[in-house]
């Protein structure tokens, strides 16, 4: 069953162009699914008591238009499949006229916090997250191919401000870091992110950056070249 809330684009959420940023859209989406979980009794406290955590495996966000400062928006999320230890969830942001500003698809894995292993979605979750129909959008593959011929840039040390309540780097922080390697005039139409493993305080991220005709792939990897996350940006 879908869940929604309304908001207004704040000054603290805009970029130099006066519009909501891609990380701003991502934050609205993350807040929306968190609010839904809290409402149905499957929020942070319930997960902590059971030593469970939902960890993002992949994002696909497609932006039609970035809303401006002060613009009123509606944010919607809907789970459309729960199976074994996986949760599939759509998101959307709409303007006051009901036009889609952005749509998204995401895949989440339910983990045991103590072991880091996947665990089955329980009956309470199946009951709480009533399944809805998938959004009408062009679904991209979850896997991201990282082309050869890129450049390995200066490493980044994970700091406290990168972490979330699960004590690892928040999924949105990876995107923030990856966006630093885009040209100033690059307007993102679609972002895809594939999360491979969690990064913790004092871990070192080694950015590997590849540009093609109309997109960039940024792989944040460990010293051995194994990716924490691969992020693909397609331009408008």
Protein backbone atom coordinates (compact mmCIF):
# COMPACT_ATOMS: atom_id res chain seq x y z
CA UNK A 1 0.00 0.00 0.00
CA UNK A 2 1.36 3.42 -0.92
CA UNK A 3 2.30 6.07 1.63
CA UNK A 4 2.80 9.80 1.00
CA UNK A 5 3.57 13.08 2.67
CA UNK A 6 3.75 16.68 1.46
CA UNK A 7 6.68 19.05 1.67
CA UNK A 8 8.09 22.32 0.42
CA UNK A 9 11.54 22.76 -1.06
CA UNK A 10 13.72 24.48 1.55
CA UNK A 11 16.69 26.77 1.04
CA UNK A 12 18.89 24.18 2.77
CA UNK A 13 17.97 21.63 0.08
CA UNK A 14 18.78 23.60 -3.08
CA UNK A 15 21.91 23.88 -5.19
CA UNK A 16 23.51 26.84 -6.89
CA UNK A 17 20.74 26.90 -9.51
CA UNK A 18 18.04 27.43 -6.88
CA UNK A 19 16.53 23.97 -7.41
CA UNK A 20 16.31 20.86 -5.26
CA UNK A 21 19.39 18.69 -5.72
CA UNK A 22 19.45 14.99 -6.58
CA UNK A 23 20.61 14.14 -3.02
CA UNK A 24 17.67 16.26 -1.83
CA UNK A 25 15.26 14.08 -3.82
CA UNK A 26 16.98 10.99 -2.46
CA UNK A 27 16.61 12.28 1.11
CA UNK A 28 12.88 12.91 0.61
CA UNK A 29 12.49 9.34 -0.63
CA UNK A 30 14.42 7.89 2.28
CA UNK A 31 12.34 9.93 4.74
CA UNK A 32 9.14 8.74 3.06
CA UNK A 33 9.85 5.03 3.46
CA UNK A 34 11.08 5.66 7.02
CA UNK A 35 7.81 7.44 7.89
CA UNK A 36 5.82 4.55 6.44
CA UNK A 37 7.79 2.00 8.47
CA UNK A 38 7.26 4.01 11.65
CA UNK A 39 3.52 4.23 10.96
CA UNK A 40 3.06 0.48 10.62
CA UNK A 41 5.18 -0.45 13.65
CA UNK A 42 8.19 -1.60 11.60
CA UNK A 43 10.40 1.42 12.25
CA UNK A 44 13.82 1.90 13.80
CA UNK A 45 12.92 0.77 17.32
CA UNK A 46 11.21 -2.43 16.14
CA UNK A 47 14.14 -3.30 13.89
CA UNK A 48 16.66 -2.58 16.64
CA UNK A 49 14.82 -4.82 19.09
CA UNK A 50 14.99 -7.71 16.59
CA UNK A 51 18.57 -6.85 15.52
CA UNK A 52 17.43 -6.29 11.96
CA UNK A 53 18.25 -3.62 9.36
CA UNK A 54 17.08 -2.88 5.82
CA UNK A 55 20.16 -2.19 3.68
CA UNK A 56 19.87 -0.65 0.24
CA UNK A 57 21.14 -2.82 -2.61
CA UNK A 58 20.35 -0.57 -5.56
CA UNK A 59 18.80 2.75 -6.60
CA UNK A 60 17.44 4.01 -9.88
CA UNK A 61 16.21 7.62 -9.83
CA UNK A 62 14.90 9.29 -12.99
CA UNK A 63 14.38 13.05 -12.88
CA UNK A 64 11.97 14.86 -15.21
CA UNK A 65 12.37 18.26 -13.51
CA UNK A 66 14.08 19.59 -10.39
CA UNK A 67 11.60 21.65 -8.29
CA UNK A 68 12.52 25.20 -7.32
CA UNK A 69 12.93 26.85 -3.94
CA UNK A 70 9.59 27.12 -2.14
CA UNK A 71 7.79 24.77 -4.52
CA UNK A 72 5.31 22.43 -2.87
CA UNK A 73 5.84 18.74 -3.54
CA UNK A 74 4.24 15.40 -2.71
CA UNK A 75 6.42 12.39 -2.02
CA UNK A 76 5.05 8.88 -2.50
CA UNK A 77 6.44 5.42 -1.82
CA UNK A 78 5.00 1.99 -2.47
CA UNK A 79 6.36 -1.49 -1.81
CA UNK A 80 5.55 -3.71 -4.79
CA UNK A 81 7.22 -7.01 -3.85
CA UNK A 82 8.50 -8.78 -0.73
CA UNK A 83 10.17 -12.14 -1.11
CA UNK A 84 12.60 -14.13 1.02
CA UNK A 85 14.91 -11.38 2.39
CA UNK A 86 14.32 -8.77 -0.37
CA UNK A 87 12.05 -5.75 -0.57
CA UNK A 88 11.27 -3.94 -3.84
CA UNK A 89 10.04 -0.36 -3.53
CA UNK A 90 9.05 2.50 -5.87
CA UNK A 91 9.16 6.21 -5.10
CA UNK A 92 7.79 9.32 -6.79
CA UNK A 93 7.85 13.08 -6.33
CA UNK A 94 4.97 15.11 -7.78
CA UNK A 95 4.28 18.83 -8.14
CA UNK A 96 1.06 20.62 -7.12
CA UNK A 97 -0.53 19.78 -10.48
CA UNK A 98 0.12 16.07 -9.95
CA UNK A 99 2.86 15.90 -12.58
CA UNK A 100 5.77 13.58 -11.90
CA UNK A 101 8.96 15.42 -11.06
CA UNK A 102 10.91 12.22 -10.44
CA UNK A 103 10.38 8.48 -10.14
CA UNK A 104 12.55 5.82 -8.57
CA UNK A 105 13.00 2.10 -8.12
CA UNK A 106 14.94 0.47 -5.30
CA UNK A 107 15.92 -2.92 -3.93
CA UNK A 108 16.54 -3.53 -0.22
CA UNK A 109 17.97 -6.49 1.70
CA UNK A 110 16.94 -7.41 5.25
CA UNK A 111 20.01 -8.28 7.33
CA UNK A 112 20.76 -9.61 10.79
CA UNK A 113 22.82 -6.83 12.37
CA UNK A 114 24.87 -9.24 14.45
CA UNK A 115 25.90 -11.59 11.66
CA UNK A 116 25.52 -9.36 8.60
CA UNK A 117 23.64 -12.22 6.92
CA UNK A 118 20.29 -11.94 5.10
CA UNK A 119 17.20 -12.99 7.08
CA UNK A 120 13.66 -13.80 6.02
CA UNK A 121 10.98 -11.12 5.91
CA UNK A 122 8.57 -12.04 8.73
CA UNK A 123 4.78 -12.18 8.75
CA UNK A 124 4.40 -8.80 10.49
CA UNK A 125 6.32 -7.15 7.66
CA UNK A 126 4.25 -8.91 5.00
CA UNK A 127 1.10 -7.71 6.74
CA UNK A 128 2.31 -4.15 7.35
CA UNK A 129 3.77 -3.48 3.92
CA UNK A 130 0.72 -4.13 1.78
CA UNK A 131 1.87 -4.75 -1.78
CA UNK A 132 0.91 -2.26 -4.50
CA UNK A 133 1.32 -2.21 -8.29
CA UNK A 134 4.65 -1.14 -9.74
CA UNK A 135 5.00 2.39 -11.06
CA UNK A 136 4.96 2.87 -14.81
CA UNK A 137 8.58 3.74 -15.60
CA UNK A 138 11.46 2.46 -17.67
CA UNK A 139 13.26 0.02 -15.37
CA UNK A 140 17.03 -0.13 -15.80
CA UNK A 141 19.18 -3.14 -14.89
CA UNK A 142 20.29 -3.35 -11.27
CA UNK A 143 23.88 -4.28 -12.18
CA UNK A 144 26.24 -1.51 -13.28
CA UNK A 145 29.09 -2.28 -15.65
CA UNK A 146 32.23 -0.30 -14.80
CA UNK A 147 34.13 0.44 -18.05
CA UNK A 148 37.89 0.27 -18.33
CA UNK A 149 40.06 3.27 -19.07
CA UNK A 150 39.08 5.33 -16.04
CA UNK A 151 41.16 7.34 -13.63
CA UNK A 152 41.91 6.45 -10.01
CA UNK A 153 41.76 9.62 -7.92
CA UNK A 154 42.78 10.73 -4.44
CA UNK A 155 41.31 8.52 -1.68
CA UNK A 156 38.68 9.65 0.83
CA UNK A 157 38.62 8.63 4.49
CA UNK A 158 35.17 7.90 5.95
CA UNK A 159 34.30 10.44 8.66
CA UNK A 160 31.56 10.53 11.30
CA UNK A 161 29.33 12.80 9.20
CA UNK A 162 29.14 10.09 6.51
CA UNK A 163 27.50 7.58 8.89
CA UNK A 164 23.84 6.85 9.67
CA UNK A 165 22.04 5.05 12.50
CA UNK A 166 23.33 1.70 11.22
CA UNK A 167 26.88 3.02 11.83
CA UNK A 168 27.93 2.65 8.20
CA UNK A 169 28.10 5.12 5.33
CA UNK A 170 24.59 6.27 4.41
CA UNK A 171 23.53 5.41 0.87
CA UNK A 172 22.97 9.07 0.07
CA UNK A 173 26.47 10.00 1.21
CA UNK A 174 27.98 7.73 -1.44
CA UNK A 175 26.02 9.63 -4.10
CA UNK A 176 27.12 12.98 -2.64
CA UNK A 177 30.74 11.86 -2.84
CA UNK A 178 30.37 10.53 -6.39
CA UNK A 179 28.73 13.75 -7.60
CA UNK A 180 31.90 15.69 -6.72
CA UNK A 181 33.53 14.17 -9.81
CA UNK A 182 30.91 15.46 -12.27
CA UNK A 183 31.47 18.59 -14.39
CA UNK A 184 29.80 21.73 -13.03
CA UNK A 185 27.43 21.96 -16.02
CA UNK A 186 26.38 18.29 -15.94
CA UNK A 187 22.62 17.96 -15.36
CA UNK A 188 21.63 14.51 -14.05
CA UNK A 189 18.66 12.87 -15.74
CA UNK A 190 19.14 9.42 -14.22
CA UNK A 191 21.20 8.06 -11.37
CA UNK A 192 21.78 4.37 -10.73
CA UNK A 193 23.69 3.03 -7.75
CA UNK A 194 24.69 -0.56 -7.00
CA UNK A 195 25.80 -1.14 -3.41
CA UNK A 196 28.28 -3.97 -2.92
CA UNK A 197 29.50 -3.75 0.68
CA UNK A 198 29.27 -1.44 3.66
CA UNK A 199 31.91 1.13 4.55
CA UNK A 200 32.54 2.10 8.17
CA UNK A 201 34.33 4.85 10.09
CA UNK A 202 37.96 5.29 8.98
CA UNK A 203 37.57 3.03 5.94
CA UNK A 204 39.23 4.48 2.84
CA UNK A 205 37.28 4.98 -0.41
CA UNK A 206 39.31 5.01 -3.63
CA UNK A 207 37.34 6.81 -6.39
CA UNK A 208 37.62 5.33 -9.89
CA UNK A 209 36.05 7.66 -12.46
CA UNK A 210 35.10 6.84 -16.06
CA UNK A 211 33.36 9.14 -18.53
CA UNK A 212 31.63 8.03 -21.72
CA UNK A 213 29.64 9.92 -24.35
CA UNK A 214 26.81 11.13 -22.08
CA UNK A 215 27.38 9.58 -18.71
CA UNK A 216 29.82 9.02 -15.88
CA UNK A 217 30.49 5.93 -13.81
CA UNK A 218 32.12 6.46 -10.42
CA UNK A 219 33.20 3.38 -8.47
CA UNK A 220 34.11 3.95 -4.82
CA UNK A 221 36.32 0.98 -4.00
CA UNK A 222 38.70 -0.34 -1.38
CA UNK A 223 42.47 -0.52 -1.69
CA UNK A 224 42.23 -3.91 -3.40
CA UNK A 225 39.87 -2.53 -6.05
CA UNK A 226 36.71 -4.16 -4.69
CA UNK A 227 33.75 -1.76 -4.92
CA UNK A 228 31.74 -0.44 -2.02
CA UNK A 229 29.37 1.13 -4.55
CA UNK A 230 29.20 1.88 -8.27
CA UNK A 231 27.24 4.96 -9.32
CA UNK A 232 26.18 5.81 -12.87
CA UNK A 233 25.01 9.29 -13.85
CA UNK A 234 23.28 9.91 -17.19
CA UNK A 235 23.00 13.47 -18.44
CA UNK A 236 19.92 15.25 -19.75
